[in-house]
Amino acid sequence: MSPALECRRLLKTFGPGRTILAGLDFTLGSSEFVAIMGDSGVGKSTLLNLIAGLDAADSGEILIDGAPISTFSDEAASRTRREKLGFVFQAFHVLPHLTLAQNVAVPLLLNGLPIAPAHAMLAAVGLFNRQDELPRQLSGGELQRVAIARALVHRPRLILADEPTGNLDPETAHEILDLFRAEMKGTGSAAIMVTHSEAAAAFADRVLILADGTLHEAASLAAFNEARGR
């Protein structure tokens, strides 16, 4: 089986003299959970946007399930995002006028799938009895549970999570990441989580640090900083 994701020699610049990604290489295996850390502004969210096809690299190649996304038509790119990707955002992006069940069902509807799994996924995240409520009735932790359920409900090949616990208190963040990891492993999805939190990164199978335009293996941001003499 092909890796869930491969990034080959990715180059991304913003204006003269500002290189964000400098020949970045990265492989994500099936069912692997990787945390990407690094200072603000180094390009973590940019990397997620490139993988999602929301932005284009200056050069290099991104492959999802062995297929290079640069060769996709607009229709094929949209279909790949719809079918194979799931997103968990820091700001939740739950649709305010839809019930919880309707929010979670959105990926299923977009893919022409039965909506019954939305109810099962809400049960998995502990919100089955609230599926007819609107998002305004939920706490931040509960909204993030809805966002996780929505990202996982269609069993995507790859999940992209951008600071998924940034708005949560430490106890709620721990609960959310426990849930996220369990549900991700249950569906067989691979995941990349961008985070500033070492506590959050500890839930991943491995931690990578984005610095100087490339990814570095490290046990933690503190270990990486120590190795660089900071």
Protein backbone atom coordinates (compact mmCIF):
# COMPACT_ATOMS: atom_id res chain seq x y z
CA MET A 1 0.00 0.00 0.00
CA SER A 2 1.22 3.50 -0.83
CA PRO A 3 1.93 5.93 2.04
CA ALA A 4 -1.04 8.12 2.89
CA LEU A 5 1.05 11.17 1.99
CA GLU A 6 4.39 11.99 0.39
CA CYS A 7 5.92 15.45 0.05
CA ARG A 8 8.92 15.61 -2.26
CA ARG A 9 11.29 18.57 -2.44
CA LEU A 10 8.60 21.14 -1.70
CA LEU A 11 9.65 24.74 -2.32
CA LYS A 12 7.43 27.66 -1.29
CA THR A 13 8.43 31.31 -1.22
CA PHE A 14 6.56 34.50 -0.36
CA GLY A 15 8.15 37.44 -2.13
CA PRO A 16 11.85 38.03 -2.76
CA GLY A 17 14.15 36.47 -0.22
CA ARG A 18 11.49 34.83 1.94
CA THR A 19 11.66 31.07 1.61
CA ILE A 20 9.04 29.26 3.70
CA LEU A 21 9.68 25.69 2.57
CA ALA A 22 13.09 24.82 1.16
CA GLY A 23 13.06 21.43 -0.54
CA LEU A 24 10.96 19.80 2.18
CA ASP A 25 10.60 15.99 2.14
CA PHE A 26 8.08 14.13 4.26
CA THR A 27 6.32 10.76 4.25
CA LEU A 28 3.26 9.87 6.36
CA GLY A 29 2.41 6.19 6.69
CA SER A 30 -1.05 4.66 6.88
CA SER A 31 -2.66 5.17 10.32
CA GLU A 32 0.33 7.27 11.46
CA PHE A 33 -0.25 10.32 13.68
CA VAL A 34 2.42 13.03 13.33
CA ALA A 35 2.66 16.33 15.20
CA ILE A 36 4.41 19.26 13.51
CA MET A 37 5.75 21.99 15.78
CA GLY A 38 7.80 25.13 15.29
CA ASP A 39 7.85 28.88 15.83
CA SER A 40 5.04 31.11 14.59
CA GLY A 41 5.40 32.08 10.96
CA VAL A 42 7.68 29.24 9.89
CA GLY A 43 5.10 27.77 7.50
CA LYS A 44 3.20 25.08 9.41
CA SER A 45 -0.23 26.20 8.23
CA THR A 46 1.19 26.86 4.76
CA LEU A 47 2.29 23.24 4.60
CA LEU A 48 -1.22 22.06 5.52
CA ASN A 49 -2.69 24.33 2.84
CA LEU A 50 -0.35 22.88 0.23
CA ILE A 51 -1.27 19.32 1.20
CA ALA A 52 -4.97 20.21 1.07
CA GLY A 53 -4.56 21.71 -2.39
CA LEU A 54 -5.67 25.13 -1.16
CA ASP A 55 -2.33 26.63 -2.21
CA ALA A 56 0.33 25.61 -4.73
CA ALA A 57 4.03 25.02 -4.15
CA ASP A 58 6.57 26.79 -6.36
CA SER A 59 8.07 23.39 -7.12
CA GLY A 60 8.11 19.84 -5.77
CA GLU A 61 5.43 17.21 -5.56
CA ILE A 62 2.69 16.10 -3.16
CA LEU A 63 1.25 12.60 -3.49
CA ILE A 64 -1.88 11.35 -1.73
CA ASP A 65 -2.24 7.57 -1.91
CA GLY A 66 0.56 7.59 -4.46
CA ALA A 67 -1.18 10.03 -6.83
CA PRO A 68 0.49 13.43 -7.50
CA ILE A 69 -2.09 16.14 -6.83
CA SER A 70 -0.39 18.54 -9.28
CA THR A 71 -1.71 16.38 -12.12
CA PHE A 72 -5.32 16.55 -10.92
CA SER A 73 -7.97 18.50 -12.77
CA ASP A 74 -9.97 20.96 -10.67
CA GLU A 75 -12.74 18.36 -10.47
CA ALA A 76 -10.36 15.60 -9.39
CA ALA A 77 -8.74 17.86 -6.79
CA SER A 78 -12.14 18.74 -5.34
CA ARG A 79 -13.13 15.08 -5.27
CA THR A 80 -9.89 14.14 -3.48
CA ARG A 81 -10.44 16.82 -0.82
CA ARG A 82 -14.04 15.69 -0.40
CA GLU A 83 -13.39 11.96 -0.25
CA LYS A 84 -9.89 11.50 1.18
CA LEU A 85 -9.29 14.47 3.46
CA GLY A 86 -10.76 15.49 6.80
CA PHE A 87 -10.11 18.85 8.49
CA VAL A 88 -10.05 19.81 12.17
CA PHE A 89 -9.69 23.56 12.63
CA GLN A 90 -8.68 25.59 15.67
CA ALA A 91 -11.76 27.79 15.22
CA PHE A 92 -14.04 24.73 14.73
CA HIS A 93 -15.85 26.11 11.61
CA VAL A 94 -19.06 24.41 12.68
CA LEU A 95 -22.00 25.73 10.65
CA PRO A 96 -24.15 27.76 13.09
CA HIS A 97 -27.56 27.19 11.50
CA LEU A 98 -27.26 23.39 11.24
CA THR A 99 -27.87 20.94 14.07
CA LEU A 100 -24.97 18.87 15.35
CA ALA A 101 -26.16 15.86 13.37
CA GLN A 102 -26.49 17.94 10.22
CA ASN A 103 -23.00 19.40 10.71
CA VAL A 104 -21.43 15.97 11.06
CA ALA A 105 -23.40 14.66 8.08
CA VAL A 106 -22.03 17.30 5.67
CA PRO A 107 -19.09 15.16 4.39
CA LEU A 108 -21.43 12.21 3.92
CA LEU A 109 -23.89 14.28 1.91
CA LEU A 110 -21.11 15.75 -0.23
CA ASN A 111 -19.90 12.23 -1.03
CA GLY A 112 -23.37 10.83 -1.69
CA LEU A 113 -23.19 8.48 1.30
CA PRO A 114 -25.89 7.45 3.80
CA ILE A 115 -26.08 9.80 6.78
CA ALA A 116 -26.53 7.13 9.47
CA PRO A 117 -22.79 7.19 10.37
CA ALA A 118 -23.25 10.80 11.56
CA HIS A 119 -25.37 9.58 14.47
CA ALA A 120 -22.89 6.83 15.31
CA MET A 121 -19.98 9.28 15.23
CA LEU A 122 -21.80 11.71 17.52
CA ALA A 123 -22.31 8.83 19.91
CA ALA A 124 -18.59 8.06 19.72
CA VAL A 125 -17.73 11.63 20.76
CA GLY A 126 -20.30 11.63 23.56
CA LEU A 127 -22.89 13.92 21.96
CA PHE A 128 -25.56 11.52 20.72
CA ASN A 129 -28.21 12.92 23.04
CA ARG A 130 -27.55 16.44 21.77
CA GLN A 131 -27.59 15.78 18.04
CA ASP A 132 -30.63 18.00 17.43
CA GLU A 133 -29.14 21.02 19.21
CA LEU A 134 -27.52 23.99 17.48
CA PRO A 135 -23.82 24.85 17.91
CA ARG A 136 -24.58 27.97 19.99
CA GLN A 137 -25.69 25.67 22.81
CA LEU A 138 -22.27 24.00 23.10
CA SER A 139 -19.03 24.76 24.94
CA GLY A 140 -15.71 25.09 23.13
CA GLY A 141 -14.74 21.52 23.99
CA GLU A 142 -18.07 20.21 22.74
CA LEU A 143 -17.72 22.17 19.49
CA GLN A 144 -14.31 20.61 18.95
CA ARG A 145 -15.87 17.18 19.46
CA VAL A 146 -18.34 18.00 16.68
CA ALA A 147 -15.46 19.14 14.46
CA ILE A 148 -13.60 15.87 15.10
CA ALA A 149 -16.73 13.83 14.39
CA ARG A 150 -17.25 15.71 11.12
CA ALA A 151 -13.61 15.21 10.07
CA LEU A 152 -13.72 11.45 10.70
CA VAL A 153 -17.27 10.46 9.72
CA HIS A 154 -16.48 9.62 6.08
CA ARG A 155 -13.38 7.62 7.06
CA PRO A 156 -10.86 9.85 5.22
CA ARG A 157 -7.43 8.65 4.26
CA LEU A 158 -5.78 11.74 5.75
CA ILE A 159 -6.77 14.18 8.50
CA LEU A 160 -5.26 17.67 8.75
CA ALA A 161 -5.61 19.33 12.17
CA ASP A 162 -4.47 22.94 12.59
CA GLU A 163 -4.02 23.84 16.28
CA PRO A 164 -7.07 21.73 17.23
CA THR A 165 -6.69 22.43 20.97
CA GLY A 166 -5.61 26.07 20.76
CA ASN A 167 -8.90 27.36 22.18
CA LEU A 168 -9.27 24.75 24.91
CA ASP A 169 -8.21 24.53 28.54
CA PRO A 170 -5.60 21.84 29.33
CA GLU A 171 -8.06 19.30 30.77
CA THR A 172 -10.46 19.60 27.85
CA ALA A 173 -7.55 19.52 25.38
CA HIS A 174 -6.38 16.23 26.93
CA GLU A 175 -9.86 14.74 26.57
CA ILE A 176 -10.18 15.94 22.97
CA LEU A 177 -6.80 14.51 21.95
CA ASP A 178 -7.55 11.19 23.65
CA LEU A 179 -10.76 11.06 21.65
CA PHE A 180 -9.12 12.20 18.43
CA ARG A 181 -6.37 9.60 18.61
CA ALA A 182 -8.79 6.78 19.49
CA GLU A 183 -11.25 7.63 16.72
CA MET A 184 -8.46 8.21 14.18
CA LYS A 185 -6.94 4.82 14.92
CA GLY A 186 -10.41 3.26 14.82
CA THR A 187 -11.07 4.54 11.31
CA GLY A 188 -7.55 3.79 10.06
CA SER A 189 -6.92 7.41 9.10
CA ALA A 190 -3.47 9.00 9.06
CA ALA A 191 -3.18 12.46 10.61
CA ILE A 192 -1.00 15.55 10.74
CA MET A 193 -1.51 17.91 13.67
CA VAL A 194 0.07 21.35 13.68
CA THR A 195 0.48 22.55 17.25
CA HIS A 196 2.48 24.84 19.52
CA SER A 197 1.72 22.62 22.52
CA GLU A 198 4.23 20.00 23.63
CA ALA A 199 1.47 18.42 25.71
CA ALA A 200 -0.64 18.02 22.55
CA ALA A 201 2.33 16.76 20.52
CA ALA A 202 2.89 14.00 23.09
CA PHE A 203 -0.24 12.25 21.77
CA ALA A 204 1.35 11.76 18.34
CA ASP A 205 3.37 8.77 17.17
CA ARG A 206 6.24 11.10 16.31
CA VAL A 207 7.07 14.80 16.48
CA LEU A 208 8.61 16.84 13.68
CA ILE A 209 9.92 20.38 13.96
CA LEU A 210 9.55 22.77 11.02
CA ALA A 211 12.51 25.15 10.96
CA ASP A 212 14.70 26.67 8.26
CA GLY A 213 12.23 25.45 5.64
CA THR A 214 12.57 21.75 6.40
CA LEU A 215 11.28 19.16 8.86
CA HIS A 216 13.51 17.77 11.61
CA GLU A 217 12.90 14.68 13.74
CA ALA A 218 12.78 15.59 17.43
CA ALA A 219 11.28 14.23 20.62
CA SER A 220 10.06 17.71 21.54
CA LEU A 221 10.51 21.36 20.72
CA ALA A 222 12.65 21.73 23.85
CA ALA A 223 14.99 18.96 22.63
CA PHE A 224 15.27 20.58 19.22
CA ASN A 225 16.02 24.00 20.70
CA GLU A 226 18.67 22.48 22.95
CA ALA A 227 20.30 20.77 19.97
CA ARG A 228 20.46 24.12 18.18
CA GLY A 229 22.01 25.81 21.22
CA ARG A 230 19.08 28.14 21.92
